[in-house]
């Protein structure tokens, strides 16, 4: 009975923490997606593009300049700590094969999260490069070129967001798999 109670308490705490961490990742994705959407919604009318671009550009640059990735790294460290704590608490409550399976699932989950950080950085930097290129074109008076670059970037950015969404779905499936285990 004690082993079952320990497994339930530790397992419930693990799943709750995995779910909370997943929601934090989704919030980070949403911020990034917002700027891709704001870029895409800029008008194609050259007369209006420059003024509206300036606001979106400055808002994005404020976000970009504040980003240190420390929050994402902290989420990864938190995940490692949660996994370690849960595995320790469940060591006596699970059969060794179940414990090994849970460990493998959690290690896969951690690796997926680490990969997500790398993907977020890449997509974020690509978006920054696009904003800088568009800003350069606007400053040079090539608004038509800036609008073309906007269209090119939004297509590329959509691919990056699709990859991030795929990783988030994978994390969600991992939580479901760990929960079932």
Protein backbone atom coordinates (compact mmCIF):
# COMPACT_ATOMS: atom_id res chain seq x y z
CA UNK A 1 0.00 0.00 0.00
CA UNK A 2 2.81 2.36 0.86
CA UNK A 3 4.53 1.65 -2.47
CA UNK A 4 1.28 2.31 -4.35
CA UNK A 5 0.69 5.54 -2.42
CA UNK A 6 4.28 6.67 -3.07
CA UNK A 7 3.95 5.88 -6.76
CA UNK A 8 0.66 7.76 -7.02
CA UNK A 9 1.91 10.85 -5.15
CA UNK A 10 5.25 11.01 -6.96
CA UNK A 11 3.66 10.16 -10.31
CA UNK A 12 0.97 12.81 -9.92
CA UNK A 13 3.55 15.43 -8.93
CA UNK A 14 5.70 14.47 -11.93
CA UNK A 15 2.81 14.74 -14.39
CA UNK A 16 1.63 18.04 -12.90
CA UNK A 17 5.12 19.49 -13.24
CA UNK A 18 5.53 18.20 -16.80
CA UNK A 19 2.21 19.77 -17.75
CA UNK A 20 3.16 23.10 -16.13
CA UNK A 21 6.49 23.14 -17.96
CA UNK A 22 4.77 22.33 -21.26
CA UNK A 23 2.45 25.31 -20.80
CA UNK A 24 5.46 27.57 -20.21
CA UNK A 25 7.00 26.36 -23.50
CA UNK A 26 3.72 26.99 -25.30
CA UNK A 27 3.67 30.55 -23.94
CA UNK A 28 7.16 31.14 -25.38
CA UNK A 29 6.02 29.78 -28.73
CA UNK A 30 3.01 32.11 -28.69
CA UNK A 31 5.20 35.20 -28.23
CA UNK A 32 7.37 34.20 -31.16
CA UNK A 33 4.33 33.39 -33.31
CA UNK A 34 2.83 36.78 -32.49
CA UNK A 35 5.72 38.62 -34.13
CA UNK A 36 5.58 36.44 -37.21
CA UNK A 37 1.89 37.25 -37.45
CA UNK A 38 2.47 40.97 -36.94
CA UNK A 39 5.06 40.94 -39.73
CA UNK A 40 2.71 39.04 -42.04
CA UNK A 41 -0.18 41.44 -41.37
CA UNK A 42 1.82 44.53 -42.33
CA UNK A 43 0.13 46.21 -45.29
CA UNK A 44 1.36 45.58 -48.81
CA UNK A 45 0.61 49.20 -49.70
CA UNK A 46 4.01 50.96 -49.92
CA UNK A 47 2.48 54.20 -48.66
CA UNK A 48 1.44 52.57 -45.36
CA UNK A 49 4.12 49.89 -44.99
CA UNK A 50 7.01 52.02 -43.70
CA UNK A 51 5.10 53.67 -40.85
CA UNK A 52 3.47 50.48 -39.65
CA UNK A 53 6.69 48.47 -40.03
CA UNK A 54 8.56 50.85 -37.74
CA UNK A 55 6.26 50.04 -34.79
CA UNK A 56 6.46 46.27 -35.29
CA UNK A 57 10.22 46.45 -35.83
CA UNK A 58 10.81 48.40 -32.60
CA UNK A 59 8.54 46.11 -30.57
CA UNK A 60 10.33 43.04 -31.90
CA UNK A 61 13.80 44.52 -31.32
CA UNK A 62 12.83 45.28 -27.71
CA UNK A 63 11.89 41.62 -27.27
CA UNK A 64 14.98 40.38 -29.12
CA UNK A 65 17.35 42.59 -27.13
CA UNK A 66 15.89 41.35 -23.82
CA UNK A 67 16.13 37.65 -24.72
CA UNK A 68 18.98 35.85 -22.96
CA UNK A 69 17.61 32.30 -23.18
CA UNK A 70 18.17 32.05 -19.43
CA UNK A 71 14.48 31.34 -18.91
CA UNK A 72 14.51 28.48 -21.39
CA UNK A 73 17.71 27.04 -19.88
CA UNK A 74 16.10 27.32 -16.43
CA UNK A 75 13.08 25.37 -17.71
CA UNK A 76 15.42 22.64 -18.93
CA UNK A 77 17.25 22.51 -15.57
CA UNK A 78 13.88 22.41 -13.80
CA UNK A 79 12.85 19.49 -16.00
CA UNK A 80 16.06 17.62 -15.17
CA UNK A 81 15.50 18.21 -11.45
CA UNK A 82 11.86 17.11 -11.65
CA UNK A 83 12.84 13.93 -13.49
CA UNK A 84 15.63 13.14 -11.04
CA UNK A 85 13.41 13.73 -8.01
CA UNK A 86 10.58 11.62 -9.41
CA UNK A 87 12.91 8.78 -10.36
CA UNK A 88 14.40 8.78 -6.85
CA UNK A 89 10.97 8.83 -5.22
CA UNK A 90 9.69 6.06 -7.45
CA UNK A 91 12.76 3.81 -7.17
CA UNK A 92 11.26 1.58 -4.49
CA UNK A 93 7.69 1.82 -5.72
CA UNK A 94 8.28 0.59 -9.29
CA UNK A 95 9.64 -2.64 -10.64
CA UNK A 96 13.14 -2.15 -12.02
CA UNK A 97 11.93 -2.62 -15.61
CA UNK A 98 9.21 0.01 -15.10
CA UNK A 99 11.72 2.36 -13.48
CA UNK A 100 14.12 1.91 -16.41
CA UNK A 101 11.30 2.54 -18.89
CA UNK A 102 10.26 5.71 -17.05
CA UNK A 103 13.89 6.88 -16.95
CA UNK A 104 14.22 6.35 -20.71
CA UNK A 105 11.00 8.28 -21.36
CA UNK A 106 12.11 11.18 -19.17
CA UNK A 107 15.57 11.31 -20.78
CA UNK A 108 13.91 11.42 -24.22
CA UNK A 109 11.65 14.20 -22.96
CA UNK A 110 14.65 16.18 -21.71
CA UNK A 111 16.45 15.73 -25.05
CA UNK A 112 13.35 16.96 -26.92
CA UNK A 113 13.20 20.04 -24.69
CA UNK A 114 16.90 20.76 -25.28
CA UNK A 115 16.29 20.48 -29.02
CA UNK A 116 13.37 22.86 -28.70
CA UNK A 117 15.63 25.53 -27.21
CA UNK A 118 17.98 25.21 -30.17
CA UNK A 119 15.09 25.45 -32.63
CA UNK A 120 13.62 28.48 -30.85
CA UNK A 121 16.99 30.23 -30.98
CA UNK A 122 17.39 29.53 -34.69
CA UNK A 123 13.89 30.71 -35.60
CA UNK A 124 14.20 33.77 -33.36
CA UNK A 125 17.52 34.71 -34.96
CA UNK A 126 16.08 34.17 -38.45
CA UNK A 127 13.19 36.47 -37.60
CA UNK A 128 15.64 39.06 -36.30
CA UNK A 129 17.70 38.82 -39.51
CA UNK A 130 14.55 39.34 -41.56
CA UNK A 131 13.50 42.36 -39.51
CA UNK A 132 16.98 43.84 -39.95
CA UNK A 133 16.95 43.20 -43.71
CA UNK A 134 13.51 44.74 -44.08
CA UNK A 135 14.53 47.70 -41.95
CA UNK A 136 17.59 48.22 -44.16
CA UNK A 137 15.46 48.15 -47.29
CA UNK A 138 13.00 50.65 -45.82
CA UNK A 139 15.86 52.93 -44.74
CA UNK A 140 17.27 52.76 -48.29
CA UNK A 141 13.88 53.76 -49.71
CA UNK A 142 13.24 50.34 -51.27
CA UNK A 143 9.80 49.77 -49.78
CA UNK A 144 8.81 47.41 -52.63
CA UNK A 145 11.89 45.30 -51.82
CA UNK A 146 10.98 45.39 -48.13
CA UNK A 147 7.49 44.11 -48.90
CA UNK A 148 8.96 41.31 -51.06
CA UNK A 149 11.32 40.37 -48.21
CA UNK A 150 8.36 40.36 -45.81
CA UNK A 151 6.59 37.79 -48.00
CA UNK A 152 9.70 35.65 -48.31
CA UNK A 153 10.26 35.73 -44.56
CA UNK A 154 6.71 34.90 -43.57
CA UNK A 155 6.87 31.71 -45.65
CA UNK A 156 10.22 30.75 -44.11
CA UNK A 157 9.01 31.68 -40.63
CA UNK A 158 5.93 29.50 -41.03
CA UNK A 159 8.22 26.52 -41.63
CA UNK A 160 10.16 27.30 -38.44
CA UNK A 161 6.96 27.60 -36.44
CA UNK A 162 5.76 24.29 -37.84
CA UNK A 163 8.93 22.63 -36.56
CA UNK A 164 8.45 24.16 -33.11
CA UNK A 165 4.79 23.05 -33.06
CA UNK A 166 5.94 19.54 -33.95
CA UNK A 167 8.37 19.52 -31.02
CA UNK A 168 5.64 20.81 -28.70
CA UNK A 169 3.32 18.03 -29.89
CA UNK A 170 6.11 15.56 -29.22
CA UNK A 171 6.51 16.94 -25.70
CA UNK A 172 2.78 16.66 -25.15
CA UNK A 173 2.83 13.02 -26.33
CA UNK A 174 5.76 12.39 -23.97
CA UNK A 175 3.71 13.70 -21.04
CA UNK A 176 0.85 11.41 -22.03
CA UNK A 177 3.24 8.44 -22.32
CA UNK A 178 4.87 9.19 -18.95
CA UNK A 179 1.41 9.56 -17.42
CA UNK A 180 0.38 6.16 -18.78
CA UNK A 181 3.57 4.58 -17.45
